[in-house]
PDB file of all heavy atoms in Angstrom:
ATOM      1  N   GLU A   1     120.410  44.069 105.522  1.00  0.00           N
ATOM      2  CA  GLU A   1     119.275  43.230 105.151  1.00  0.00           C
ATOM      3  C   GLU A   1     117.974  43.840 105.673  1.00  0.00           C
ATOM      4  O   GLU A   1     116.940  43.803 105.000  1.00  0.00           O
ATOM      5  CB  GLU A   1     119.446  41.813 105.712  1.00  0.00           C
ATOM      6  CG  GLU A   1     118.471  40.800 105.143  1.00  0.00           C
ATOM      7  CD  GLU A   1     118.640  40.552 103.649  1.00  0.00           C
ATOM      8  OE1 GLU A   1     119.779  40.585 103.155  1.00  0.00           O
ATOM      9  OE2 GLU A   1     117.614  40.338 102.967  1.00  0.00           O
ATOM     10  N   ARG A   2     118.032  44.458 106.837  1.00  0.00           N
ATOM     11  CA  ARG A   2     116.854  45.156 107.372  1.00  0.00           C
ATOM     12  C   ARG A   2     116.499  46.346 106.470  1.00  0.00           C
ATOM     13  O   ARG A   2     115.332  46.640 106.220  1.00  0.00           O
ATOM     14  CB  ARG A   2     117.124  45.619 108.803  1.00  0.00           C
ATOM     15  CG  ARG A   2     115.858  45.946 109.598  1.00  0.00           C
ATOM     16  CD  ARG A   2     116.176  46.243 111.052  1.00  0.00           C
ATOM     17  NE  ARG A   2     116.905  45.187 111.707  1.00  0.00           N
ATOM     18  CZ  ARG A   2     116.370  44.064 112.168  1.00  0.00           C
ATOM     19  NH1 ARG A   2     115.059  43.875 112.045  1.00  0.00           N
ATOM     20  NH2 ARG A   2     117.103  43.136 112.739  1.00  0.00           N
ATOM     21  N   LEU A   3     117.535  47.039 105.983  1.00  0.00           N
ATOM     22  CA  LEU A   3     117.323  48.162 105.074  1.00  0.00           C
ATOM     23  C   LEU A   3     116.697  47.688 103.765  1.00  0.00           C
ATOM     24  O   LEU A   3     115.828  48.362 103.199  1.00  0.00           O
ATOM     25  CB  LEU A   3     118.649  48.869 104.802  1.00  0.00           C
ATOM     26  CG  LEU A   3     118.599  50.123 103.931  1.00  0.00           C
ATOM     27  CD1 LEU A   3     117.808  51.227 104.623  1.00  0.00           C
ATOM     28  CD2 LEU A   3     120.010  50.614 103.609  1.00  0.00           C
ATOM     29  N   TYR A   4     117.134  46.524 103.293  1.00  0.00           N
ATOM     30  CA  TYR A   4     116.537  45.961 102.074  1.00  0.00           C
ATOM     31  C   TYR A   4     115.036  45.744 102.266  1.00  0.00           C
ATOM     32  O   TYR A   4     114.237  46.075 101.374  1.00  0.00           O
ATOM     33  CB  TYR A   4     117.209  44.638 101.694  1.00  0.00           C
ATOM     34  CG  TYR A   4     116.410  43.851 100.685  1.00  0.00           C
ATOM     35  CD1 TYR A   4     116.414  44.200  99.344  1.00  0.00           C
ATOM     36  CD2 TYR A   4     115.612  42.776 101.090  1.00  0.00           C
ATOM     37  CE1 TYR A   4     115.643  43.504  98.413  1.00  0.00           C
ATOM     38  CE2 TYR A   4     114.845  42.069 100.176  1.00  0.00           C
ATOM     39  CZ  TYR A   4     114.862  42.440  98.836  1.00  0.00           C
ATOM     40  OH  TYR A   4     114.092  41.759  97.924  1.00  0.00           O
ATOM     41  N   GLU A   5     114.654  45.221 103.421  1.00  0.00           N
ATOM     42  CA  GLU A   5     113.228  44.994 103.669  1.00  0.00           C
ATOM     43  C   GLU A   5     112.454  46.312 103.637  1.00  0.00           C
ATOM     44  O   GLU A   5     111.350  46.390 103.094  1.00  0.00           O
ATOM     45  CB  GLU A   5     113.011  44.292 105.009  1.00  0.00           C
ATOM     46  CG  GLU A   5     111.542  43.953 105.246  1.00  0.00           C
ATOM     47  CD  GLU A   5     111.292  43.201 106.543  1.00  0.00           C
ATOM     48  OE1 GLU A   5     112.247  42.687 107.147  1.00  0.00           O
ATOM     49  OE2 GLU A   5     110.108  43.127 106.949  1.00  0.00           O
ATOM     50  N   VAL A   6     113.059  47.359 104.190  1.00  0.00           N
ATOM     51  CA  VAL A   6     112.422  48.676 104.141  1.00  0.00           C
ATOM     52  C   VAL A   6     112.258  49.131 102.695  1.00  0.00           C
ATOM     53  O   VAL A   6     111.227  49.686 102.314  1.00  0.00           O
ATOM     54  CB  VAL A   6     113.255  49.709 104.934  1.00  0.00           C
ATOM     55  CG1 VAL A   6     112.716  51.128 104.705  1.00  0.00           C
ATOM     56  CG2 VAL A   6     113.246  49.381 106.415  1.00  0.00           C
ATOM     57  N   SER A   7     113.269  48.863 101.865  1.00  0.00           N
ATOM     58  CA  SER A   7     113.217  49.292 100.460  1.00  0.00           C
ATOM     59  C   SER A   7     112.104  48.601  99.677  1.00  0.00           C
ATOM     60  O   SER A   7     111.682  49.092  98.626  1.00  0.00           O
ATOM     61  CB  SER A   7     114.564  49.037  99.772  1.00  0.00           C
ATOM     62  OG  SER A   7     114.759  47.657  99.491  1.00  0.00           O
ATOM     63  N   GLN A   8     111.629  47.463 100.189  1.00  0.00           N
ATOM     64  CA  GLN A   8     110.521  46.767  99.540  1.00  0.00           C
ATOM     65  C   GLN A   8     109.171  47.366  99.940  1.00  0.00           C
ATOM     66  O   GLN A   8     108.156  47.085  99.306  1.00  0.00           O
ATOM     67  CB  GLN A   8     110.556  45.278  99.911  1.00  0.00           C
ATOM     68  CG  GLN A   8     111.825  44.555  99.470  1.00  0.00           C
ATOM     69  CD  GLN A   8     112.110  44.741  97.991  1.00  0.00           C
ATOM     70  OE1 GLN A   8     111.370  44.219  97.142  1.00  0.00           O
ATOM     71  NE2 GLN A   8     113.149  45.477  97.668  1.00  0.00           N
ATOM     72  N   GLN A   9     109.177  48.191 100.984  1.00  0.00           N
ATOM     73  CA  GLN A   9     107.932  48.815 101.449  1.00  0.00           C
ATOM     74  C   GLN A   9     107.864  50.310 101.131  1.00  0.00           C
ATOM     75  O   GLN A   9     106.783  50.851 100.933  1.00  0.00           O
ATOM     76  CB  GLN A   9     107.795  48.627 102.965  1.00  0.00           C
ATOM     77  CG  GLN A   9     107.777  47.180 103.419  1.00  0.00           C
ATOM     78  CD  GLN A   9     107.643  47.064 104.928  1.00  0.00           C
ATOM     79  OE1 GLN A   9     106.777  47.696 105.535  1.00  0.00           O
ATOM     80  NE2 GLN A   9     108.498  46.255 105.550  1.00  0.00           N
ATOM     81  N   ILE A  10     109.042  50.954 101.105  1.00  0.00           N
ATOM     82  CA  ILE A  10     109.107  52.402 100.867  1.00  0.00           C
ATOM     83  C   ILE A  10     109.876  52.646  99.576  1.00  0.00           C
ATOM     84  O   ILE A  10     111.038  52.250  99.448  1.00  0.00           O
ATOM     85  CB  ILE A  10     109.809  53.121 102.034  1.00  0.00           C
ATOM     86  CG1 ILE A  10     109.109  52.816 103.360  1.00  0.00           C
ATOM     87  CG2 ILE A  10     109.882  54.622 101.768  1.00  0.00           C
ATOM     88  CD1 ILE A  10     107.693  53.311 103.459  1.00  0.00           C
ATOM     89  N   ASP A  11     109.239  53.308  98.625  1.00  0.00           N
ATOM     90  CA  ASP A  11     109.902  53.573  97.349  1.00  0.00           C
ATOM     91  C   ASP A  11     110.766  54.830  97.454  1.00  0.00           C
ATOM     92  O   ASP A  11     110.311  55.873  97.934  1.00  0.00           O
ATOM     93  CB  ASP A  11     108.860  53.755  96.250  1.00  0.00           C
ATOM     94  CG  ASP A  11     109.507  53.873  94.880  1.00  0.00           C
ATOM     95  OD1 ASP A  11     110.424  53.079  94.586  1.00  0.00           O
ATOM     96  OD2 ASP A  11     109.129  54.782  94.115  1.00  0.00           O
ATOM     97  N   ALA A  12     112.016  54.722  97.031  1.00  0.00           N
ATOM     98  CA  ALA A  12     112.935  55.862  97.044  1.00  0.00           C
ATOM     99  C   ALA A  12     114.041  55.607  96.032  1.00  0.00           C
ATOM    100  O   ALA A  12     114.249  54.474  95.574  1.00  0.00           O
ATOM    101  CB  ALA A  12     113.520  56.077  98.430  1.00  0.00           C
ATOM    102  N   ASP A  13     114.761  56.665  95.685  1.00  0.00           N
ATOM    103  CA  ASP A  13     115.919  56.527  94.802  1.00  0.00           C
ATOM    104  C   ASP A  13     117.181  56.215  95.597  1.00  0.00           C
ATOM    105  O   ASP A  13     118.090  55.565  95.106  1.00  0.00           O
ATOM    106  CB  ASP A  13     116.136  57.821  94.008  1.00  0.00           C
ATOM    107  CG  ASP A  13     114.936  58.150  93.134  1.00  0.00           C
ATOM    108  OD1 ASP A  13     114.557  57.284  92.331  1.00  0.00           O
ATOM    109  OD2 ASP A  13     114.378  59.250  93.270  1.00  0.00           O
ATOM    110  N   LEU A  14     117.226  56.701  96.841  1.00  0.00           N
ATOM    111  CA  LEU A  14     118.404  56.495  97.681  1.00  0.00           C
ATOM    112  C   LEU A  14     117.951  56.310  99.124  1.00  0.00           C
ATOM    113  O   LEU A  14     117.113  57.067  99.628  1.00  0.00           O
ATOM    114  CB  LEU A  14     119.352  57.691  97.583  1.00  0.00           C
ATOM    115  CG  LEU A  14     120.763  57.487  98.141  1.00  0.00           C
ATOM    116  CD1 LEU A  14     121.566  56.510  97.279  1.00  0.00           C
ATOM    117  CD2 LEU A  14     121.497  58.823  98.223  1.00  0.00           C
ATOM    118  N   TYR A  15     118.522  55.289  99.752  1.00  0.00           N
ATOM    119  CA  TYR A  15     118.225  54.990 101.151  1.00  0.00           C
ATOM    120  C   TYR A  15     119.491  55.258 101.960  1.00  0.00           C
ATOM    121  O   TYR A  15     120.535  54.633 101.728  1.00  0.00           O
ATOM    122  CB  TYR A  15     117.808  53.528 101.321  1.00  0.00           C
ATOM    123  CG  TYR A  15     116.595  53.161 100.502  1.00  0.00           C
ATOM    124  CD1 TYR A  15     116.725  52.794  99.151  1.00  0.00           C
ATOM    125  CD2 TYR A  15     115.315  53.187 101.052  1.00  0.00           C
ATOM    126  CE1 TYR A  15     115.612  52.474  98.386  1.00  0.00           C
ATOM    127  CE2 TYR A  15     114.198  52.868 100.285  1.00  0.00           C
ATOM    128  CZ  TYR A  15     114.357  52.509  98.957  1.00  0.00           C
ATOM    129  OH  TYR A  15     113.253  52.194  98.196  1.00  0.00           O
ATOM    130  N   VAL A  16     119.398  56.185 102.885  1.00  0.00           N
ATOM    131  CA  VAL A  16     120.542  56.519 103.730  1.00  0.00           C
ATOM    132  C   VAL A  16     120.340  55.866 105.092  1.00  0.00           C
ATOM    133  O   VAL A  16     119.369  56.157 105.795  1.00  0.00           O
ATOM    134  CB  VAL A  16     120.716  58.039 103.885  1.00  0.00           C
ATOM    135  CG1 VAL A  16     121.877  58.350 104.829  1.00  0.00           C
ATOM    136  CG2 VAL A  16     120.971  58.677 102.519  1.00  0.00           C
ATOM    137  N   MET A  17     121.250  54.961 105.423  1.00  0.00           N
ATOM    138  CA  MET A  17     121.164  54.226 106.684  1.00  0.00           C
ATOM    139  C   MET A  17     122.021  54.921 107.738  1.00  0.00           C
ATOM    140  O   MET A  17     123.218  55.120 107.542  1.00  0.00           O
ATOM    141  CB  MET A  17     121.615  52.777 106.493  1.00  0.00           C
ATOM    142  CG  MET A  17     121.548  51.942 107.758  1.00  0.00           C
ATOM    143  SD  MET A  17     121.679  50.158 107.437  1.00  0.00           S
ATOM    144  CE  MET A  17     123.350  50.038 106.765  1.00  0.00           C
ATOM    145  N   ILE A  18     121.389  55.281 108.845  1.00  0.00           N
ATOM    146  CA  ILE A  18     122.100  55.879 109.975  1.00  0.00           C
ATOM    147  C   ILE A  18     121.999  54.889 111.126  1.00  0.00           C
ATOM    148  O   ILE A  18     120.901  54.657 111.652  1.00  0.00           O
ATOM    149  CB  ILE A  18     121.490  57.244 110.387  1.00  0.00           C
ATOM    150  CG1 ILE A  18     121.325  58.164 109.171  1.00  0.00           C
ATOM    151  CG2 ILE A  18     122.369  57.917 111.438  1.00  0.00           C
ATOM    152  CD1 ILE A  18     119.931  58.189 108.605  1.00  0.00           C
ATOM    153  N   ASN A  19     123.098  54.278 111.501  1.00  0.00           N
ATOM    154  CA  ASN A  19     123.050  53.253 112.521  1.00  0.00           C
ATOM    155  C   ASN A  19     122.485  53.806 113.834  1.00  0.00           C
ATOM    156  O   ASN A  19     122.830  54.915 114.259  1.00  0.00           O
ATOM    157  CB  ASN A  19     124.442  52.674 112.773  1.00  0.00           C
ATOM    158  CG  ASN A  19     124.888  51.742 111.664  1.00  0.00           C
ATOM    159  OD1 ASN A  19     124.152  51.535 110.689  1.00  0.00           O
ATOM    160  ND2 ASN A  19     126.070  51.180 111.781  1.00  0.00           N
ATOM    161  N   GLY A  20     121.650  53.019 114.468  1.00  0.00           N
ATOM    162  CA  GLY A  20     121.000  53.451 115.693  1.00  0.00           C
ATOM    163  C   GLY A  20     121.916  53.547 116.892  1.00  0.00           C
ATOM    164  O   GLY A  20     121.480  53.950 117.975  1.00  0.00           O
ATOM    165  N   ASP A  21     123.201  53.204 116.702  1.00  0.00           N
ATOM    166  CA  ASP A  21     124.162  53.316 117.813  1.00  0.00           C
ATOM    167  C   ASP A  21     125.178  54.430 117.566  1.00  0.00           C
ATOM    168  O   ASP A  21     126.292  54.396 118.070  1.00  0.00           O
ATOM    169  CB  ASP A  21     124.881  51.984 118.049  1.00  0.00           C
ATOM    170  CG  ASP A  21     125.627  51.475 116.815  1.00  0.00           C
ATOM    171  OD1 ASP A  21     125.651  52.194 115.787  1.00  0.00           O
ATOM    172  OD2 ASP A  21     126.188  50.365 116.875  1.00  0.00           O
ATOM    173  N   GLU A  22     124.769  55.440 116.762  1.00  0.00           N
ATOM    174  CA  GLU A  22     125.629  56.599 116.470  1.00  0.00           C
ATOM    175  C   GLU A  22     124.966  57.874 117.015  1.00  0.00           C
ATOM    176  O   GLU A  22     124.539  58.750 116.251  1.00  0.00           O
ATOM    177  CB  GLU A  22     125.850  56.729 114.959  1.00  0.00           C
ATOM    178  CG  GLU A  22     126.724  55.643 114.349  1.00  0.00           C
ATOM    179  CD  GLU A  22     128.222  55.945 114.485  1.00  0.00           C
ATOM    180  OE1 GLU A  22     128.570  56.971 115.102  1.00  0.00           O
ATOM    181  OE2 GLU A  22     129.024  55.152 113.986  1.00  0.00           O
ATOM    182  N   PRO A  23     124.882  58.032 118.331  1.00  0.00           N
ATOM    183  CA  PRO A  23     124.093  59.136 118.893  1.00  0.00           C
ATOM    184  C   PRO A  23     124.689  60.523 118.743  1.00  0.00           C
ATOM    185  O   PRO A  23     123.985  61.516 118.953  1.00  0.00           O
ATOM    186  CB  PRO A  23     123.984  58.768 120.378  1.00  0.00           C
ATOM    187  CG  PRO A  23     125.193  57.929 120.646  1.00  0.00           C
ATOM    188  CD  PRO A  23     125.413  57.156 119.393  1.00  0.00           C
ATOM    189  N   VAL A  24     125.970  60.644 118.379  1.00  0.00           N
ATOM    190  CA  VAL A  24     126.541  61.997 118.262  1.00  0.00           C
ATOM    191  C   VAL A  24     126.735  62.429 116.809  1.00  0.00           C
ATOM    192  O   VAL A  24     127.190  63.538 116.541  1.00  0.00           O
ATOM    193  CB  VAL A  24     127.883  62.126 119.035  1.00  0.00           C
ATOM    194  CG1 VAL A  24     127.713  61.728 120.479  1.00  0.00           C
ATOM    195  CG2 VAL A  24     129.003  61.344 118.374  1.00  0.00           C
ATOM    196  N   ILE A  25     126.386  61.573 115.867  1.00  0.00           N
ATOM    197  CA  ILE A  25     126.535  61.940 114.458  1.00  0.00           C
ATOM    198  C   ILE A  25     125.546  63.064 114.128  1.00  0.00           C
ATOM    199  O   ILE A  25     124.407  63.049 114.592  1.00  0.00           O
ATOM    200  CB  ILE A  25     126.309  60.721 113.528  1.00  0.00           C
ATOM    201  CG1 ILE A  25     126.872  60.966 112.129  1.00  0.00           C
ATOM    202  CG2 ILE A  25     124.858  60.310 113.465  1.00  0.00           C
ATOM    203  CD1 ILE A  25     128.358  60.952 112.056  1.00  0.00           C
ATOM    204  N   GLU A  26     125.986  64.039 113.343  1.00  0.00           N
ATOM    205  CA  GLU A  26     125.164  65.212 113.066  1.00  0.00           C
ATOM    206  C   GLU A  26     124.756  65.289 111.597  1.00  0.00           C
ATOM    207  O   GLU A  26     125.380  64.673 110.723  1.00  0.00           O
ATOM    208  CB  GLU A  26     125.918  66.473 113.477  1.00  0.00           C
ATOM    209  CG  GLU A  26     126.217  66.530 114.970  1.00  0.00           C
ATOM    210  CD  GLU A  26     126.858  67.844 115.385  1.00  0.00           C
ATOM    211  OE1 GLU A  26     126.461  68.893 114.841  1.00  0.00           O
ATOM    212  OE2 GLU A  26     127.767  67.812 116.235  1.00  0.00           O
ATOM    213  N   ALA A  27     123.712  66.084 111.337  1.00  0.00           N
ATOM    214  CA  ALA A  27     123.151  66.196 109.992  1.00  0.00           C
ATOM    215  C   ALA A  27     124.192  66.645 108.977  1.00  0.00           C
ATOM    216  O   ALA A  27     124.224  66.149 107.845  1.00  0.00           O
ATOM    217  CB  ALA A  27     121.963  67.161 110.005  1.00  0.00           C
ATOM    218  N   LYS A  28     125.058  67.583 109.361  1.00  0.00           N
ATOM    219  CA  LYS A  28     126.050  68.105 108.429  1.00  0.00           C
ATOM    220  C   LYS A  28     127.027  67.032 107.965  1.00  0.00           C
ATOM    221  O   LYS A  28     127.672  67.171 106.910  1.00  0.00           O
ATOM    222  CB  LYS A  28     126.806  69.264 109.061  1.00  0.00           C
ATOM    223  CG  LYS A  28     127.655  68.900 110.272  1.00  0.00           C
ATOM    224  CD  LYS A  28     128.342  70.115 110.870  1.00  0.00           C
ATOM    225  CE  LYS A  28     129.129  69.787 112.134  1.00  0.00           C
ATOM    226  NZ  LYS A  28     130.205  68.819 111.912  1.00  0.00           N
ATOM    227  N   ASP A  29     127.157  65.960 108.754  1.00  0.00           N
ATOM    228  CA  ASP A  29     128.032  64.854 108.378  1.00  0.00           C
ATOM    229  C   ASP A  29     127.267  63.750 107.658  1.00  0.00           C
ATOM    230  O   ASP A  29     127.776  63.135 106.723  1.00  0.00           O
ATOM    231  CB  ASP A  29     128.728  64.286 109.621  1.00  0.00           C
ATOM    232  CG  ASP A  29     129.576  65.333 110.311  1.00  0.00           C
ATOM    233  OD1 ASP A  29     130.366  66.006 109.604  1.00  0.00           O
ATOM    234  OD2 ASP A  29     129.453  65.500 111.532  1.00  0.00           O
ATOM    235  N   ILE A  30     126.039  63.509 108.071  1.00  0.00           N
ATOM    236  CA  ILE A  30     125.217  62.474 107.430  1.00  0.00           C
ATOM    237  C   ILE A  30     125.129  62.711 105.925  1.00  0.00           C
ATOM    238  O   ILE A  30     125.248  61.777 105.122  1.00  0.00           O
ATOM    239  CB  ILE A  30     123.810  62.437 108.053  1.00  0.00           C
ATOM    240  CG1 ILE A  30     123.894  61.951 109.509  1.00  0.00           C
ATOM    241  CG2 ILE A  30     122.876  61.533 107.247  1.00  0.00           C
ATOM    242  CD1 ILE A  30     122.587  62.083 110.283  1.00  0.00           C
ATOM    243  N   VAL A  31     124.951  63.961 105.518  1.00  0.00           N
ATOM    244  CA  VAL A  31     124.735  64.264 104.092  1.00  0.00           C
ATOM    245  C   VAL A  31     125.965  63.996 103.237  1.00  0.00           C
ATOM    246  O   VAL A  31     125.858  63.938 102.003  1.00  0.00           O
ATOM    247  CB  VAL A  31     124.278  65.723 103.894  1.00  0.00           C
ATOM    248  CG1 VAL A  31     122.947  65.966 104.552  1.00  0.00           C
ATOM    249  CG2 VAL A  31     125.327  66.702 104.415  1.00  0.00           C
ATOM    250  N   LYS A  32     127.118  63.829 103.846  1.00  0.00           N
ATOM    251  CA  LYS A  32     128.344  63.660 103.060  1.00  0.00           C
ATOM    252  C   LYS A  32     128.392  62.327 102.313  1.00  0.00           C
ATOM    253  O   LYS A  32     129.215  62.156 101.408  1.00  0.00           O
ATOM    254  CB  LYS A  32     129.569  63.800 103.976  1.00  0.00           C
ATOM    255  CG  LYS A  32     129.729  65.223 104.517  1.00  0.00           C
ATOM    256  CD  LYS A  32     130.854  65.333 105.534  1.00  0.00           C
ATOM    257  CE  LYS A  32     130.927  66.751 106.110  1.00  0.00           C
ATOM    258  NZ  LYS A  32     131.946  66.883 107.178  1.00  0.00           N
ATOM    259  N   CYS A  33     127.530  61.398 102.662  1.00  0.00           N
ATOM    260  CA  CYS A  33     127.499  60.122 101.932  1.00  0.00           C
ATOM    261  C   CYS A  33     126.598  60.186 100.707  1.00  0.00           C
ATOM    262  O   CYS A  33     126.530  59.229  99.932  1.00  0.00           O
ATOM    263  CB  CYS A  33     127.055  58.982 102.848  1.00  0.00           C
ATOM    264  SG  CYS A  33     125.308  59.041 103.294  1.00  0.00           S
ATOM    265  N   ILE A  34     125.907  61.315 100.513  1.00  0.00           N
ATOM    266  CA  ILE A  34     124.960  61.446  99.410  1.00  0.00           C
ATOM    267  C   ILE A  34     125.676  62.042  98.196  1.00  0.00           C
ATOM    268  O   ILE A  34     126.258  63.125  98.286  1.00  0.00           O
ATOM    269  CB  ILE A  34     123.778  62.338  99.822  1.00  0.00           C
ATOM    270  CG1 ILE A  34     123.040  61.706 101.007  1.00  0.00           C
ATOM    271  CG2 ILE A  34     122.826  62.549  98.648  1.00  0.00           C
ATOM    272  CD1 ILE A  34     121.975  62.597 101.604  1.00  0.00           C
ATOM    273  N   PRO A  35     125.664  61.355  97.053  1.00  0.00           N
ATOM    274  CA  PRO A  35     126.366  61.869  95.870  1.00  0.00           C
ATOM    275  C   PRO A  35     125.668  63.084  95.276  1.00  0.00           C
ATOM    276  O   PRO A  35     124.443  63.233  95.385  1.00  0.00           O
ATOM    277  CB  PRO A  35     126.319  60.676  94.903  1.00  0.00           C
ATOM    278  CG  PRO A  35     125.095  59.929  95.297  1.00  0.00           C
ATOM    279  CD  PRO A  35     124.977  60.081  96.794  1.00  0.00           C
ATOM    280  N   ALA A  36     126.451  63.950  94.645  1.00  0.00           N
ATOM    281  CA  ALA A  36     125.897  65.161  94.020  1.00  0.00           C
ATOM    282  C   ALA A  36     125.047  64.810  92.811  1.00  0.00           C
ATOM    283  O   ALA A  36     124.021  65.438  92.549  1.00  0.00           O
ATOM    284  CB  ALA A  36     127.026  66.099  93.621  1.00  0.00           C
ATOM    285  N   ASN A  37     125.477  63.796  92.061  1.00  0.00           N
ATOM    286  CA  ASN A  37     124.750  63.389  90.858  1.00  0.00           C
ATOM    287  C   ASN A  37     124.539  61.880  90.896  1.00  0.00           C
ATOM    288  O   ASN A  37     125.479  61.118  91.087  1.00  0.00           O
ATOM    289  CB  ASN A  37     125.541  63.745  89.591  1.00  0.00           C
ATOM    290  CG  ASN A  37     125.739  65.245  89.459  1.00  0.00           C
ATOM    291  OD1 ASN A  37     124.782  65.994  89.318  1.00  0.00           O
ATOM    292  ND2 ASN A  37     126.991  65.686  89.515  1.00  0.00           N
TER     293      ASN A  37
END
């Protein structure tokens, strides 16, 4: 719901949410949720 509020202020095609309690997650893994097409 917090992400939805952000989407009303920032225009984008895709919003990737990275939880603030995931301190060891790395960029190479974050991108895996993004579809190719």
